[in-house]
Amino acid sequence: MAIRDAHAVWESNLEHGKGTITLGEKGLEIPYSFQSRFEDGSGSNPEELVGGAHAGCYAMALAHALGEANHPPVRIRASAHVHLEKSGDGFAIPKIELEAEAEVPGIDPEQFEEIAQAAKQSCPLSKLLSAADITLSASLLSEQRA
């Protein structure tokens, strides 16, 4: 079993405050604020961090599933678009759009799509975030790079 840690510090009130989110043992600090979360301010926000984690988890799940099917990928690029919306007196994340592009030699598009969808179901963060509608658009790239 692995336990991973992250910490957050927030100073002052919601609208004028600021904070940092610290990830892992190496202490990567990411600044965030009301402006970076709800407006166009600099810094990150919890939804971006969730999206990055989900994209990373999905890319690894897809790489594993492709390898198990004897089609190891050359490269996978995954993105997650996390929708934060006003809901009643607060906010909710009703939808996450996963996108993936993969270079996978020797696989046909139908098999790739089947494996890509199965990987979405097996990804631990997809399971965790399943209260949101998680969609997936997966593209198989040609073997030749431009």
N, C-alpha and C. Protein backbone atom coordinates (compact mmCIF):
# COMPACT_ATOMS: atom_id res chain seq x y z
N MET A 1 0.84 -1.18 0.00
CA MET A 1 0.00 0.00 0.00
C MET A 1 0.89 1.24 0.00
N ALA A 2 0.50 2.20 -0.79
CA ALA A 2 1.23 3.47 -0.85
C ALA A 2 0.33 4.59 -0.31
N ILE A 3 0.90 5.44 0.47
CA ILE A 3 0.19 6.62 0.96
C ILE A 3 0.93 7.84 0.43
N ARG A 4 0.22 8.69 -0.27
CA ARG A 4 0.79 9.90 -0.85
C ARG A 4 0.24 11.11 -0.12
N ASP A 5 1.09 12.10 0.10
CA ASP A 5 0.69 13.27 0.89
C ASP A 5 0.71 14.55 0.08
N ALA A 6 -0.22 15.42 0.41
CA ALA A 6 -0.25 16.78 -0.10
C ALA A 6 -0.77 17.65 1.04
N HIS A 7 -0.37 18.90 1.06
CA HIS A 7 -0.76 19.80 2.13
C HIS A 7 -1.16 21.15 1.53
N ALA A 8 -2.08 21.82 2.21
CA ALA A 8 -2.49 23.15 1.76
C ALA A 8 -2.45 24.11 2.94
N VAL A 9 -2.05 25.35 2.65
CA VAL A 9 -2.08 26.45 3.62
C VAL A 9 -2.83 27.59 2.96
N TRP A 10 -3.79 28.17 3.68
CA TRP A 10 -4.56 29.32 3.19
C TRP A 10 -4.43 30.44 4.21
N GLU A 11 -4.16 31.65 3.73
CA GLU A 11 -4.01 32.81 4.61
C GLU A 11 -5.06 33.87 4.26
N SER A 12 -5.77 34.36 5.26
CA SER A 12 -6.75 35.44 5.14
C SER A 12 -8.10 34.92 4.69
N ASN A 13 -8.97 35.83 4.26
CA ASN A 13 -10.32 35.43 3.88
C ASN A 13 -10.34 34.86 2.46
N LEU A 14 -11.51 34.44 2.00
CA LEU A 14 -11.59 33.77 0.71
C LEU A 14 -11.20 34.68 -0.46
N GLU A 15 -11.82 35.84 -0.57
CA GLU A 15 -11.63 36.68 -1.75
C GLU A 15 -10.28 37.38 -1.81
N HIS A 16 -9.67 37.67 -0.67
CA HIS A 16 -8.41 38.41 -0.67
C HIS A 16 -7.23 37.58 -0.21
N GLY A 17 -7.49 36.34 0.14
CA GLY A 17 -6.44 35.49 0.64
C GLY A 17 -5.62 34.85 -0.46
N LYS A 18 -4.68 34.05 -0.02
CA LYS A 18 -3.83 33.30 -0.93
C LYS A 18 -3.34 32.07 -0.20
N GLY A 19 -2.85 31.13 -0.97
CA GLY A 19 -2.39 29.91 -0.34
C GLY A 19 -1.37 29.18 -1.19
N THR A 20 -0.90 28.09 -0.63
CA THR A 20 -0.01 27.20 -1.37
C THR A 20 -0.47 25.77 -1.13
N ILE A 21 -0.30 24.98 -2.17
CA ILE A 21 -0.52 23.55 -2.07
C ILE A 21 0.85 22.91 -2.26
N THR A 22 1.23 22.06 -1.34
CA THR A 22 2.53 21.40 -1.39
C THR A 22 2.31 19.92 -1.67
N LEU A 23 3.01 19.45 -2.68
CA LEU A 23 2.85 18.07 -3.12
C LEU A 23 4.06 17.23 -2.75
N GLY A 24 3.81 16.13 -2.11
CA GLY A 24 4.82 15.10 -1.91
C GLY A 24 6.00 15.45 -1.04
N GLU A 25 6.88 14.48 -0.94
CA GLU A 25 8.07 14.57 -0.12
C GLU A 25 9.04 15.65 -0.59
N LYS A 26 9.10 15.88 -1.89
CA LYS A 26 10.04 16.87 -2.42
C LYS A 26 9.55 18.30 -2.21
N GLY A 27 8.30 18.44 -1.81
CA GLY A 27 7.80 19.75 -1.44
C GLY A 27 7.55 20.71 -2.58
N LEU A 28 7.06 20.23 -3.72
CA LEU A 28 6.70 21.13 -4.81
C LEU A 28 5.56 22.02 -4.34
N GLU A 29 5.81 23.33 -4.28
CA GLU A 29 4.81 24.29 -3.81
C GLU A 29 4.14 24.98 -4.99
N ILE A 30 2.83 24.99 -4.96
CA ILE A 30 2.04 25.60 -6.03
C ILE A 30 1.15 26.68 -5.40
N PRO A 31 1.30 27.94 -5.82
CA PRO A 31 0.46 29.00 -5.27
C PRO A 31 -0.95 28.95 -5.88
N TYR A 32 -1.94 29.34 -5.07
CA TYR A 32 -3.30 29.46 -5.57
C TYR A 32 -4.02 30.57 -4.81
N SER A 33 -5.11 31.04 -5.43
CA SER A 33 -5.86 32.15 -4.85
C SER A 33 -7.29 32.11 -5.36
N PHE A 34 -8.11 32.99 -4.82
CA PHE A 34 -9.48 33.15 -5.32
C PHE A 34 -9.43 33.49 -6.81
N GLN A 35 -8.53 34.40 -7.17
CA GLN A 35 -8.42 34.85 -8.55
C GLN A 35 -7.99 33.71 -9.49
N SER A 36 -7.07 32.86 -9.04
CA SER A 36 -6.62 31.77 -9.92
C SER A 36 -7.66 30.66 -10.01
N ARG A 37 -8.58 30.63 -9.05
CA ARG A 37 -9.60 29.59 -9.08
C ARG A 37 -10.87 30.03 -9.79
N PHE A 38 -11.31 31.25 -9.54
CA PHE A 38 -12.60 31.69 -10.05
C PHE A 38 -12.51 32.79 -11.10
N GLU A 39 -11.33 33.32 -11.33
CA GLU A 39 -11.14 34.39 -12.32
C GLU A 39 -9.96 34.00 -13.21
N ASP A 40 -9.23 34.97 -13.71
CA ASP A 40 -8.09 34.68 -14.58
C ASP A 40 -6.77 35.05 -13.92
N GLY A 41 -6.67 34.90 -12.62
CA GLY A 41 -5.45 35.25 -11.91
C GLY A 41 -4.35 34.23 -12.10
N SER A 42 -3.13 34.62 -11.77
CA SER A 42 -2.00 33.71 -11.90
C SER A 42 -2.00 32.70 -10.76
N GLY A 43 -1.34 31.61 -10.99
CA GLY A 43 -1.31 30.52 -10.02
C GLY A 43 -2.17 29.37 -10.50
N SER A 44 -2.32 28.39 -9.68
CA SER A 44 -3.09 27.21 -10.03
C SER A 44 -4.38 27.18 -9.22
N ASN A 45 -5.01 26.03 -9.19
CA ASN A 45 -6.22 25.84 -8.38
C ASN A 45 -6.44 24.35 -8.19
N PRO A 46 -7.27 23.98 -7.24
CA PRO A 46 -7.48 22.55 -6.99
C PRO A 46 -7.98 21.77 -8.20
N GLU A 47 -8.80 22.39 -9.04
CA GLU A 47 -9.33 21.69 -10.20
C GLU A 47 -8.24 21.36 -11.22
N GLU A 48 -7.30 22.27 -11.42
CA GLU A 48 -6.16 21.98 -12.32
C GLU A 48 -5.32 20.83 -11.76
N LEU A 49 -5.13 20.84 -10.46
CA LEU A 49 -4.32 19.78 -9.85
C LEU A 49 -5.02 18.43 -9.96
N VAL A 50 -6.34 18.41 -9.76
CA VAL A 50 -7.11 17.18 -9.95
C VAL A 50 -7.01 16.74 -11.40
N GLY A 51 -7.14 17.69 -12.33
CA GLY A 51 -7.05 17.37 -13.75
C GLY A 51 -5.69 16.80 -14.12
N GLY A 52 -4.63 17.41 -13.61
CA GLY A 52 -3.29 16.89 -13.88
C GLY A 52 -3.10 15.50 -13.33
N ALA A 53 -3.59 15.28 -12.11
CA ALA A 53 -3.49 13.96 -11.51
C ALA A 53 -4.29 12.94 -12.30
N HIS A 54 -5.48 13.31 -12.72
CA HIS A 54 -6.33 12.39 -13.48
C HIS A 54 -5.69 12.06 -14.83
N ALA A 55 -5.17 13.07 -15.52
CA ALA A 55 -4.51 12.84 -16.81
C ALA A 55 -3.30 11.92 -16.64
N GLY A 56 -2.51 12.16 -15.61
CA GLY A 56 -1.33 11.32 -15.35
C GLY A 56 -1.71 9.89 -15.03
N CYS A 57 -2.72 9.73 -14.20
CA CYS A 57 -3.19 8.39 -13.83
C CYS A 57 -3.72 7.66 -15.06
N TYR A 58 -4.52 8.36 -15.86
CA TYR A 58 -5.08 7.72 -17.05
C TYR A 58 -3.98 7.32 -18.04
N ALA A 59 -3.00 8.19 -18.26
CA ALA A 59 -1.91 7.86 -19.19
C ALA A 59 -1.19 6.59 -18.74
N MET A 60 -0.97 6.46 -17.45
CA MET A 60 -0.30 5.26 -16.94
C MET A 60 -1.20 4.02 -17.09
N ALA A 61 -2.50 4.17 -16.81
CA ALA A 61 -3.43 3.05 -16.95
C ALA A 61 -3.50 2.60 -18.40
N LEU A 62 -3.53 3.56 -19.33
CA LEU A 62 -3.58 3.22 -20.75
C LEU A 62 -2.28 2.54 -21.18
N ALA A 63 -1.14 3.05 -20.74
CA ALA A 63 0.14 2.43 -21.08
C ALA A 63 0.19 0.98 -20.58
N HIS A 64 -0.30 0.77 -19.37
CA HIS A 64 -0.32 -0.59 -18.82
C HIS A 64 -1.23 -1.50 -19.63
N ALA A 65 -2.44 -1.02 -19.93
CA ALA A 65 -3.40 -1.84 -20.67
C ALA A 65 -2.89 -2.17 -22.07
N LEU A 66 -2.27 -1.20 -22.73
CA LEU A 66 -1.70 -1.45 -24.05
C LEU A 66 -0.56 -2.46 -23.98
N GLY A 67 0.29 -2.31 -22.98
CA GLY A 67 1.39 -3.27 -22.80
C GLY A 67 0.88 -4.67 -22.55
N GLU A 68 -0.16 -4.79 -21.73
CA GLU A 68 -0.75 -6.11 -21.45
C GLU A 68 -1.33 -6.74 -22.72
N ALA A 69 -1.76 -5.90 -23.67
CA ALA A 69 -2.31 -6.39 -24.94
C ALA A 69 -1.21 -6.57 -26.00
N ASN A 70 0.05 -6.51 -25.56
CA ASN A 70 1.21 -6.66 -26.46
C ASN A 70 1.30 -5.56 -27.51
N HIS A 71 0.86 -4.36 -27.12
CA HIS A 71 0.98 -3.17 -27.97
C HIS A 71 1.54 -2.01 -27.13
N PRO A 72 2.79 -2.12 -26.67
CA PRO A 72 3.33 -1.04 -25.84
C PRO A 72 3.36 0.28 -26.61
N PRO A 73 2.93 1.35 -25.97
CA PRO A 73 2.90 2.65 -26.66
C PRO A 73 4.29 3.27 -26.76
N VAL A 74 4.46 4.08 -27.79
CA VAL A 74 5.66 4.89 -27.92
C VAL A 74 5.49 6.13 -27.04
N ARG A 75 4.29 6.70 -27.09
CA ARG A 75 4.03 7.95 -26.36
C ARG A 75 2.53 8.10 -26.17
N ILE A 76 2.14 8.61 -25.01
CA ILE A 76 0.74 8.94 -24.72
C ILE A 76 0.72 10.36 -24.17
N ARG A 77 -0.18 11.17 -24.69
CA ARG A 77 -0.39 12.52 -24.16
C ARG A 77 -1.84 12.58 -23.71
N ALA A 78 -2.05 12.82 -22.42
CA ALA A 78 -3.41 12.87 -21.88
C ALA A 78 -3.68 14.23 -21.26
N SER A 79 -4.92 14.67 -21.37
CA SER A 79 -5.38 15.93 -20.77
C SER A 79 -6.71 15.67 -20.07
N ALA A 80 -6.99 16.45 -19.06
CA ALA A 80 -8.28 16.38 -18.38
C ALA A 80 -8.82 17.80 -18.23
N HIS A 81 -10.02 18.01 -18.68
CA HIS A 81 -10.70 19.30 -18.57
C HIS A 81 -11.75 19.16 -17.48
N VAL A 82 -11.49 19.78 -16.33
CA VAL A 82 -12.34 19.66 -15.16
C VAL A 82 -13.30 20.85 -15.13
N HIS A 83 -14.59 20.56 -15.14
CA HIS A 83 -15.62 21.60 -15.15
C HIS A 83 -16.03 21.94 -13.72
N LEU A 84 -15.81 23.17 -13.31
CA LEU A 84 -16.25 23.66 -12.01
C LEU A 84 -17.43 24.58 -12.25
N GLU A 85 -18.57 24.25 -11.63
CA GLU A 85 -19.78 25.02 -11.87
C GLU A 85 -20.49 25.37 -10.56
N LYS A 86 -21.16 26.50 -10.57
CA LYS A 86 -21.98 26.91 -9.43
C LYS A 86 -23.11 25.90 -9.27
N SER A 87 -23.35 25.48 -8.04
CA SER A 87 -24.38 24.49 -7.76
C SER A 87 -25.02 24.83 -6.41
N GLY A 88 -26.23 25.37 -6.46
CA GLY A 88 -26.89 25.77 -5.22
C GLY A 88 -26.09 26.86 -4.53
N ASP A 89 -25.76 26.66 -3.26
CA ASP A 89 -24.99 27.63 -2.49
C ASP A 89 -23.48 27.45 -2.65
N GLY A 90 -23.07 26.46 -3.39
CA GLY A 90 -21.64 26.18 -3.53
C GLY A 90 -21.26 25.88 -4.96
N PHE A 91 -20.30 25.00 -5.11
CA PHE A 91 -19.79 24.62 -6.42
C PHE A 91 -19.71 23.10 -6.51
N ALA A 92 -19.68 22.62 -7.74
CA ALA A 92 -19.58 21.18 -7.98
C ALA A 92 -18.74 20.94 -9.24
N ILE A 93 -18.28 19.72 -9.36
CA ILE A 93 -17.56 19.28 -10.57
C ILE A 93 -18.46 18.23 -11.23
N PRO A 94 -19.31 18.67 -12.17
CA PRO A 94 -20.23 17.72 -12.79
C PRO A 94 -19.62 16.91 -13.93
N LYS A 95 -18.52 17.40 -14.51
CA LYS A 95 -18.00 16.75 -15.70
C LYS A 95 -16.48 16.88 -15.78
N ILE A 96 -15.85 15.80 -16.25
CA ILE A 96 -14.43 15.79 -16.57
C ILE A 96 -14.29 15.19 -17.96
N GLU A 97 -13.63 15.93 -18.84
CA GLU A 97 -13.39 15.44 -20.19
C GLU A 97 -11.94 15.00 -20.30
N LEU A 98 -11.73 13.70 -20.44
CA LEU A 98 -10.39 13.16 -20.68
C LEU A 98 -10.14 13.13 -22.17
N GLU A 99 -8.94 13.51 -22.56
CA GLU A 99 -8.51 13.40 -23.95
C GLU A 99 -7.16 12.70 -23.95
N ALA A 100 -6.96 11.83 -24.93
CA ALA A 100 -5.69 11.13 -25.04
C ALA A 100 -5.31 10.97 -26.50
N GLU A 101 -4.03 11.16 -26.77
CA GLU A 101 -3.44 10.87 -28.07
C GLU A 101 -2.32 9.89 -27.82
N ALA A 102 -2.27 8.84 -28.61
CA ALA A 102 -1.25 7.83 -28.38
C ALA A 102 -0.63 7.35 -29.68
N GLU A 103 0.66 7.14 -29.63
CA GLU A 103 1.39 6.48 -30.71
C GLU A 103 1.57 5.04 -30.29
N VAL A 104 0.93 4.15 -31.03
CA VAL A 104 0.96 2.73 -30.69
C VAL A 104 1.17 1.93 -31.97
N PRO A 105 2.38 1.47 -32.22
CA PRO A 105 2.65 0.71 -33.44
C PRO A 105 1.86 -0.59 -33.50
N GLY A 106 1.34 -0.89 -34.68
CA GLY A 106 0.75 -2.20 -34.94
C GLY A 106 -0.61 -2.48 -34.36
N ILE A 107 -1.33 -1.48 -33.87
CA ILE A 107 -2.65 -1.72 -33.31
C ILE A 107 -3.70 -1.14 -34.25
N ASP A 108 -4.85 -1.83 -34.34
CA ASP A 108 -5.90 -1.28 -35.19
C ASP A 108 -6.77 -0.33 -34.35
N PRO A 109 -7.40 0.64 -34.97
CA PRO A 109 -8.16 1.67 -34.25
C PRO A 109 -9.26 1.12 -33.34
N GLU A 110 -9.94 0.07 -33.75
CA GLU A 110 -11.02 -0.49 -32.93
C GLU A 110 -10.46 -1.09 -31.64
N GLN A 111 -9.36 -1.83 -31.76
CA GLN A 111 -8.76 -2.41 -30.56
C GLN A 111 -8.23 -1.31 -29.65
N PHE A 112 -7.63 -0.28 -30.23
CA PHE A 112 -7.14 0.83 -29.43
C PHE A 112 -8.29 1.48 -28.66
N GLU A 113 -9.40 1.74 -29.33
CA GLU A 113 -10.55 2.39 -28.67
C GLU A 113 -11.07 1.53 -27.52
N GLU A 114 -11.15 0.24 -27.74
CA GLU A 114 -11.63 -0.67 -26.70
C GLU A 114 -10.70 -0.63 -25.48
N ILE A 115 -9.40 -0.68 -25.73
CA ILE A 115 -8.42 -0.65 -24.63
C ILE A 115 -8.45 0.71 -23.94
N ALA A 116 -8.58 1.78 -24.71
CA ALA A 116 -8.61 3.13 -24.13
C ALA A 116 -9.81 3.30 -23.19
N GLN A 117 -10.96 2.81 -23.61
CA GLN A 117 -12.15 2.92 -22.77
C GLN A 117 -12.03 2.06 -21.51
N ALA A 118 -11.48 0.87 -21.66
CA ALA A 118 -11.28 -0.01 -20.50
C ALA A 118 -10.30 0.61 -19.51
N ALA A 119 -9.27 1.28 -20.03
CA ALA A 119 -8.29 1.93 -19.15
C ALA A 119 -8.94 3.05 -18.34
N LYS A 120 -9.90 3.74 -18.93
CA LYS A 120 -10.63 4.78 -18.18
C LYS A 120 -11.34 4.16 -16.98
N GLN A 121 -11.89 2.98 -17.17
CA GLN A 121 -12.60 2.30 -16.07
C GLN A 121 -11.65 1.78 -15.00
N SER A 122 -10.43 1.42 -15.39
CA SER A 122 -9.49 0.85 -14.42
C SER A 122 -8.63 1.89 -13.72
N CYS A 123 -8.58 3.10 -14.23
CA CYS A 123 -7.78 4.17 -13.64
C CYS A 123 -8.28 4.49 -12.23
N PRO A 124 -7.42 4.40 -11.20
CA PRO A 124 -7.87 4.67 -9.84
C PRO A 124 -8.50 6.06 -9.65
N LEU A 125 -7.99 7.06 -10.34
CA LEU A 125 -8.59 8.39 -10.18
C LEU A 125 -9.92 8.49 -10.90
N SER A 126 -10.12 7.77 -12.00
CA SER A 126 -11.44 7.73 -12.63
C SER A 126 -12.45 7.12 -11.66
N LYS A 127 -12.03 6.07 -10.97
CA LYS A 127 -12.91 5.45 -9.97
C LYS A 127 -13.25 6.44 -8.86
N LEU A 128 -12.24 7.14 -8.36
CA LEU A 128 -12.44 8.10 -7.28
C LEU A 128 -13.36 9.23 -7.70
N LEU A 129 -13.19 9.71 -8.92
CA LEU A 129 -13.92 10.88 -9.40
C LEU A 129 -15.23 10.52 -10.12
N SER A 130 -15.70 9.30 -9.95
CA SER A 130 -16.84 8.82 -10.71
C SER A 130 -18.16 9.53 -10.40
N ALA A 131 -18.21 10.38 -9.40
CA ALA A 131 -19.41 11.18 -9.17
C ALA A 131 -19.62 12.18 -10.30
N ALA A 132 -18.55 12.52 -11.01
CA ALA A 132 -18.64 13.38 -12.18
C ALA A 132 -18.85 12.51 -13.42
N ASP A 133 -19.45 13.09 -14.44
CA ASP A 133 -19.58 12.42 -15.73
C ASP A 133 -18.21 12.51 -16.40
N ILE A 134 -17.53 11.37 -16.56
CA ILE A 134 -16.19 11.34 -17.16
C ILE A 134 -16.32 10.83 -18.59
N THR A 135 -15.96 11.68 -19.53
CA THR A 135 -15.98 11.28 -20.93
C THR A 135 -14.54 11.09 -21.40
N LEU A 136 -14.37 10.34 -22.49
CA LEU A 136 -13.04 10.09 -23.03
C LEU A 136 -13.08 10.22 -24.55
N SER A 137 -12.14 10.99 -25.05
CA SER A 137 -11.88 11.07 -26.49
C SER A 137 -10.45 10.62 -26.69
N ALA A 138 -10.28 9.45 -27.29
CA ALA A 138 -8.94 8.88 -27.48
C ALA A 138 -8.62 8.81 -28.97
N SER A 139 -7.43 9.30 -29.33
CA SER A 139 -7.00 9.32 -30.73
C SER A 139 -5.72 8.50 -30.89
N LEU A 140 -5.72 7.72 -31.92
CA LEU A 140 -4.54 6.94 -32.29
C LEU A 140 -3.77 7.74 -33.33
N LEU A 141 -2.54 8.12 -32.99
CA LEU A 141 -1.71 8.89 -33.90
C LEU A 141 -0.97 7.97 -34.86
N SER A 142 -0.64 8.48 -36.00
CA SER A 142 0.13 7.68 -36.96
C SER A 142 1.52 7.46 -36.39
N GLU A 143 2.20 6.45 -36.90
CA GLU A 143 3.52 6.09 -36.41
C GLU A 143 4.60 7.07 -36.89
N GLN A 144 4.28 7.86 -37.89
CA GLN A 144 5.27 8.81 -38.41
C GLN A 144 5.04 10.18 -37.80
N ARG A 145 6.07 10.75 -37.24
CA ARG A 145 5.98 12.10 -36.69
C ARG A 145 6.32 13.10 -37.77
N ALA A 146 5.62 14.23 -37.71
CA ALA A 146 5.89 15.30 -38.69
C ALA A 146 7.09 16.09 -38.28
